[in-house]
Amino acid sequence: MNDTPVKIPVEDDFNDVIGKAQKGLEITTEDLAGKTSVSEESVRKIRRGEFDEAAVSAVAKYLDLNVDALLKIGRGDWYPEQPDPIDGFELIATPFYEWHVNAYLLWDPNTKEAIAFDTGTDPEPMLAKIDELGMQLKTLFLTHSHGDHIEGAPKILSQTGANAVISRLEPPVDFEAEAVDEGFRANIGCLSVEMFNTTGHTSGGATFVVKGLDRDFAIVGDAIFAGSMGGPNVSYDDSLTGLNRILSLDADTVLASGHGPLTTVGQEKQMNCFYAGS
């Protein structure tokens, strides 16, 4: 496994992880200082991104985070090992403010039948890749309905004739999409797709497991990032449940997140700050 040509930064720094845990557990900075040996001012410095190893360790332990993983992220000592290029898989990153959001194309290398997962903020890179490789897009699967993940959907659907699929638990979108339940399955060319719920970031977040290429993939949206996860906007408990469910997949499964670099189940079991078994 080698780094990809364009190195996508890890989405969350140590202070982002701490902030998400605080939000999920509904612990104020004042309370966090009172429950640890860390002063309130030191906690505020941590939240601003000032790395203090002793203070971060104490706070992480109280928040039930993976202390060793968080310290490595804080020191800048970790980046997930990247898979070698896989025929039939493409990550497409589009700008989202000063960051990026990821969409994915997977296809049967023989028939060129393709499926997409989310769209990012700009449909043009995905449409260009479909045209470049002579693919026929069959289905657009949506991990959730946040704007940065679906902004390109109307144009992609209209230009390709593909259908869209989204969890029934997710709020309605303003274009035609089939609402499906956990356990939904589809087969496109050599690819098989199965969906399971990973709610918490949104009410209907979904993970899609794709098999049929040289590696298995889980397209996870914002349910998990390399070393972290999306904000627990709806439920912290559900977010943790979904993360642990993803990490019950085979260790070699490639995790394709909505933000940040690719990672694997095996790496996240060691380095995800929110993983209960780490």
Protein backbone atom coordinates (compact mmCIF):
# COMPACT_ATOMS: atom_id res chain seq x y z
CA MET A 1 0.00 0.00 0.00
CA ASN A 2 1.32 3.44 -0.98
CA ASP A 3 0.25 7.04 -0.57
CA THR A 4 -2.14 8.32 -3.22
CA PRO A 5 -0.64 10.92 -5.64
CA VAL A 6 -2.62 13.72 -3.98
CA LYS A 7 -2.45 13.38 -0.22
CA ILE A 8 -5.82 14.30 1.28
CA PRO A 9 -5.29 15.63 4.82
CA VAL A 10 -6.78 13.83 7.80
CA GLU A 11 -10.09 15.56 8.44
CA ASP A 12 -9.96 16.01 12.22
CA ASP A 13 -7.18 17.27 14.44
CA PHE A 14 -7.01 16.33 18.12
CA ASN A 15 -9.09 19.32 19.20
CA ASP A 16 -11.85 18.44 16.73
CA VAL A 17 -12.06 14.97 18.27
CA ILE A 18 -12.25 16.38 21.79
CA GLY A 19 -14.92 18.87 20.72
CA LYS A 20 -17.08 16.12 19.21
CA ALA A 21 -16.78 14.00 22.35
CA GLN A 22 -17.67 16.99 24.52
CA LYS A 23 -20.68 17.76 22.35
CA GLY A 24 -21.84 14.17 22.34
CA LEU A 25 -21.49 13.73 26.08
CA GLU A 26 -22.90 17.22 26.75
CA ILE A 27 -19.94 18.17 28.93
CA THR A 28 -19.09 21.85 29.20
CA THR A 29 -15.52 23.10 29.31
CA GLU A 30 -16.08 24.16 32.91
CA ASP A 31 -17.31 20.69 33.87
CA LEU A 32 -14.47 19.02 31.99
CA ALA A 33 -11.92 21.07 33.91
CA GLY A 34 -13.66 20.26 37.17
CA LYS A 35 -13.61 16.52 36.49
CA THR A 36 -9.94 16.37 35.48
CA SER A 37 -6.62 17.71 36.71
CA VAL A 38 -6.63 20.21 33.85
CA SER A 39 -7.34 23.90 34.42
CA GLU A 40 -10.21 25.54 32.59
CA GLU A 41 -7.76 27.77 30.73
CA SER A 42 -5.77 24.72 29.61
CA VAL A 43 -8.94 23.04 28.37
CA ARG A 44 -9.77 26.16 26.37
CA LYS A 45 -6.26 26.17 24.88
CA ILE A 46 -6.72 22.54 23.85
CA ARG A 47 -10.02 23.39 22.21
CA ARG A 48 -8.24 26.15 20.26
CA GLY A 49 -5.74 23.61 18.98
CA GLU A 50 -2.81 24.23 21.34
CA PHE A 51 -1.34 20.77 21.92
CA ASP A 52 -0.36 19.97 25.51
CA GLU A 53 0.30 16.24 25.80
CA ALA A 54 -0.40 15.93 29.53
CA ALA A 55 -3.59 17.96 29.35
CA VAL A 56 -4.83 16.17 26.22
CA SER A 57 -4.14 12.80 27.86
CA ALA A 58 -6.15 13.67 30.95
CA VAL A 59 -9.08 15.07 28.99
CA ALA A 60 -9.11 12.17 26.52
CA LYS A 61 -9.15 9.61 29.31
CA TYR A 62 -12.13 11.28 30.97
CA LEU A 63 -13.98 11.48 27.64
CA ASP A 64 -13.34 7.74 27.09
CA LEU A 65 -11.29 8.33 23.95
CA ASN A 66 -8.34 6.31 22.67
CA VAL A 67 -5.57 8.27 24.37
CA ASP A 68 -2.64 6.84 22.41
CA ALA A 69 -4.37 7.43 19.08
CA LEU A 70 -5.33 10.99 19.98
CA LEU A 71 -1.78 11.82 21.03
CA LYS A 72 -0.38 10.48 17.76
CA ILE A 73 -2.86 12.60 15.83
CA GLY A 74 -2.02 15.63 17.96
CA ARG A 75 1.70 15.16 17.32
CA GLY A 76 1.09 14.70 13.61
CA ASP A 77 2.63 11.22 13.78
CA TRP A 78 -0.06 9.30 11.93
CA TYR A 79 -1.53 9.07 8.46
CA PRO A 80 -3.43 6.00 7.28
CA GLU A 81 -1.58 3.74 4.87
CA GLN A 82 -3.25 4.09 1.48
CA PRO A 83 -4.32 1.25 -0.80
CA ASP A 84 -2.59 0.70 -4.10
CA PRO A 85 -4.71 1.81 -7.10
CA ILE A 86 -7.64 -0.55 -7.60
CA ASP A 87 -9.15 -1.08 -11.03
CA GLY A 88 -12.80 -0.06 -10.79
CA PHE A 89 -12.47 2.49 -7.98
CA GLU A 90 -12.01 6.26 -8.03
CA LEU A 91 -12.12 8.86 -5.24
CA ILE A 92 -13.34 12.26 -6.44
CA ALA A 93 -12.67 15.18 -4.08
CA THR A 94 -14.38 18.54 -4.60
CA PRO A 95 -13.86 21.80 -2.68
CA PHE A 96 -15.94 22.47 0.43
CA TYR A 97 -14.99 25.83 1.93
CA GLU A 98 -11.28 25.42 2.81
CA TRP A 99 -11.63 21.63 2.94
CA HIS A 100 -12.79 18.90 0.58
CA VAL A 101 -15.67 16.46 0.40
CA ASN A 102 -15.34 13.04 -1.18
CA ALA A 103 -17.51 11.21 -3.69
CA TYR A 104 -16.78 7.82 -5.20
CA LEU A 105 -17.15 5.97 -8.47
CA LEU A 106 -16.99 2.17 -8.64
CA TRP A 107 -17.45 0.17 -11.81
CA ASP A 108 -17.20 -3.21 -13.45
CA PRO A 109 -13.89 -3.03 -15.34
CA ASN A 110 -15.26 -5.29 -18.07
CA THR A 111 -18.75 -3.91 -18.73
CA LYS A 112 -18.09 -0.31 -17.56
CA GLU A 113 -21.37 -0.38 -15.61
CA ALA A 114 -20.84 2.09 -12.76
CA ILE A 115 -22.27 3.19 -9.45
CA ALA A 116 -21.60 6.42 -7.59
CA PHE A 117 -21.68 7.32 -3.92
CA ASP A 118 -22.52 10.93 -3.09
CA THR A 119 -21.62 13.73 -5.48
CA GLY A 120 -19.61 16.35 -3.66
CA THR A 121 -20.18 20.03 -4.31
CA ASP A 122 -19.44 19.98 -8.05
CA PRO A 123 -20.84 17.37 -10.46
CA GLU A 124 -18.34 18.11 -13.24
CA PRO A 125 -15.37 15.99 -12.06
CA MET A 126 -17.58 12.92 -11.72
CA LEU A 127 -19.25 13.49 -15.07
CA ALA A 128 -15.85 13.99 -16.69
CA LYS A 129 -14.54 10.71 -15.26
CA ILE A 130 -17.64 8.85 -16.43
CA ASP A 131 -17.14 10.27 -19.92
CA GLU A 132 -13.38 9.67 -19.94
CA LEU A 133 -13.75 5.96 -19.13
CA GLY A 134 -16.86 5.42 -21.23
CA MET A 135 -18.91 4.31 -18.24
CA GLN A 136 -22.65 3.94 -17.89
CA LEU A 137 -23.77 5.19 -14.48
CA LYS A 138 -26.59 3.01 -13.20
CA THR A 139 -27.23 4.17 -9.63
CA LEU A 140 -26.26 7.05 -7.36
CA PHE A 141 -26.23 5.92 -3.71
CA LEU A 142 -26.46 8.66 -1.08
CA THR A 143 -24.94 8.20 2.36
CA HIS A 144 -26.94 11.12 3.74
CA SER A 145 -28.58 14.32 2.55
CA HIS A 146 -26.23 17.07 3.72
CA GLY A 147 -25.71 19.58 0.95
CA ASP A 148 -22.00 18.99 0.47
CA HIS A 149 -22.75 15.34 -0.33
CA ILE A 150 -25.68 15.79 -2.72
CA GLU A 151 -25.22 19.19 -4.36
CA GLY A 152 -24.25 17.64 -7.68
CA ALA A 153 -27.03 15.06 -7.72
CA PRO A 154 -29.61 16.79 -9.96
CA LYS A 155 -27.15 17.35 -12.81
CA ILE A 156 -25.55 13.92 -12.52
CA LEU A 157 -28.95 12.21 -12.54
CA SER A 158 -30.27 14.25 -15.46
CA GLN A 159 -27.17 13.78 -17.61
CA THR A 160 -26.65 10.06 -16.96
CA GLY A 161 -30.19 8.76 -16.52
CA ALA A 162 -29.13 7.01 -13.31
CA ASN A 163 -31.52 6.46 -10.42
CA ALA A 164 -30.81 7.61 -6.86
CA VAL A 165 -31.07 5.63 -3.63
CA ILE A 166 -31.20 6.99 -0.07
CA SER A 167 -32.17 5.65 3.36
CA ARG A 168 -35.84 5.95 4.22
CA LEU A 169 -34.79 7.41 7.59
CA GLU A 170 -33.10 10.43 5.99
CA PRO A 171 -35.02 13.71 5.44
CA PRO A 172 -36.48 14.07 1.92
CA VAL A 173 -34.33 15.44 -0.89
CA ASP A 174 -35.54 17.79 -3.65
CA PHE A 175 -34.95 15.32 -6.49
CA GLU A 176 -36.31 11.88 -7.20
CA ALA A 177 -34.71 9.17 -5.05
CA GLU A 178 -35.79 5.70 -4.01
CA ALA A 179 -36.14 5.42 -0.22
CA VAL A 180 -34.81 2.07 1.01
CA ASP A 181 -34.46 0.22 4.29
CA GLU A 182 -31.56 -1.48 6.03
CA GLY A 183 -30.63 -4.68 4.25
CA PHE A 184 -31.23 -3.19 0.80
CA ARG A 185 -29.16 -5.02 -1.82
CA ALA A 186 -28.29 -4.34 -5.44
CA ASN A 187 -26.11 -5.93 -8.10
CA ILE A 188 -24.55 -3.92 -10.93
CA GLY A 189 -22.16 -5.79 -13.19
CA CYS A 190 -19.63 -7.57 -11.00
CA LEU A 191 -20.46 -5.33 -8.02
CA SER A 192 -22.74 -6.21 -5.13
CA VAL A 193 -24.00 -3.53 -2.76
CA GLU A 194 -25.58 -3.91 0.68
CA MET A 195 -26.74 -1.09 2.94
CA PHE A 196 -26.90 -0.85 6.71
CA ASN A 197 -27.87 2.06 8.95
CA THR A 198 -25.18 4.20 10.55
CA THR A 199 -27.24 6.99 12.06
CA GLY A 200 -26.10 9.61 14.55
CA HIS A 201 -24.49 12.21 12.30
CA THR A 202 -27.88 12.38 10.60
CA SER A 203 -31.15 10.57 11.24
CA GLY A 204 -30.73 8.35 8.20
CA GLY A 205 -27.03 7.98 7.61
CA ALA A 206 -26.20 4.84 5.64
CA THR A 207 -23.13 2.73 4.94
CA PHE A 208 -22.87 0.78 1.69
CA VAL A 209 -20.65 -2.31 1.54
CA VAL A 210 -19.43 -3.01 -1.99
CA LYS A 211 -17.87 -6.30 -3.07
CA GLY A 212 -16.67 -7.55 -6.43
CA LEU A 213 -13.36 -5.72 -6.95
CA ASP A 214 -9.90 -6.67 -5.68
CA ARG A 215 -10.78 -5.15 -2.29
CA ASP A 216 -14.05 -4.85 -0.39
CA PHE A 217 -15.20 -1.29 0.27
CA ALA A 218 -17.45 0.37 2.82
CA ILE A 219 -18.70 3.76 1.68
CA VAL A 220 -19.44 5.31 5.05
CA GLY A 221 -20.30 8.97 4.48
CA ASP A 222 -19.57 10.88 7.68
CA ALA A 223 -20.12 7.91 10.01
CA ILE A 224 -16.36 7.51 10.33
CA PHE A 225 -13.26 9.46 9.36
CA ALA A 226 -9.64 8.38 9.55
CA GLY A 227 -9.03 8.54 13.30
CA SER A 228 -12.38 10.18 14.05
CA MET A 229 -16.01 10.46 12.95
CA GLY A 230 -18.53 13.04 11.81
CA GLY A 231 -20.19 15.30 14.34
CA PRO A 232 -22.84 13.56 16.47
CA ASN A 233 -25.58 15.94 15.38
CA VAL A 234 -28.49 13.61 16.17
CA SER A 235 -27.18 11.05 18.67
CA TYR A 236 -23.75 10.35 20.14
CA ASP A 237 -24.77 6.84 21.18
CA ASP A 238 -26.02 6.07 17.67
CA SER A 239 -22.84 7.51 16.17
CA LEU A 240 -20.71 5.22 18.32
CA THR A 241 -22.93 2.24 17.53
CA GLY A 242 -22.58 2.89 13.82
CA LEU A 243 -18.82 3.34 14.06
CA ASN A 244 -18.44 0.06 15.93
CA ARG A 245 -20.67 -1.68 13.42
CA ILE A 246 -18.46 -0.49 10.56
CA LEU A 247 -15.39 -1.71 12.42
CA SER A 248 -16.89 -5.20 12.73
CA LEU A 249 -16.26 -5.67 8.99
CA ASP A 250 -13.21 -7.56 7.74
CA ALA A 251 -9.96 -5.84 8.68
CA ASP A 252 -8.88 -5.44 5.04
CA THR A 253 -12.05 -3.56 4.07
CA VAL A 254 -11.27 -0.13 2.62
CA LEU A 255 -13.24 2.63 4.36
CA ALA A 256 -14.21 5.43 1.98
CA SER A 257 -15.25 8.42 4.08
CA GLY A 258 -17.05 11.60 3.17
CA HIS A 259 -14.03 13.66 4.23
CA GLY A 260 -10.35 12.93 4.61
CA PRO A 261 -8.25 10.05 3.26
CA LEU A 262 -9.09 6.43 2.72
CA THR A 263 -8.40 4.09 5.61
CA THR A 264 -9.15 0.48 6.54
CA VAL A 265 -11.05 -1.33 9.25
CA GLY A 266 -7.80 -2.74 10.61
CA GLN A 267 -6.14 0.65 10.88
CA GLU A 268 -9.19 2.24 12.51
CA LYS A 269 -9.37 -0.47 15.15
CA GLN A 270 -5.97 0.77 16.24
CA MET A 271 -6.24 4.49 15.56
CA ASN A 272 -9.84 5.64 15.72
CA CYS A 273 -10.17 7.83 18.79
CA PHE A 274 -13.81 6.84 19.30
CA TYR A 275 -13.48 3.06 18.90
CA ALA A 276 -14.55 1.20 22.03
CA GLY A 277 -12.23 -1.75 21.43
CA SER A 278 -9.07 0.26 20.80
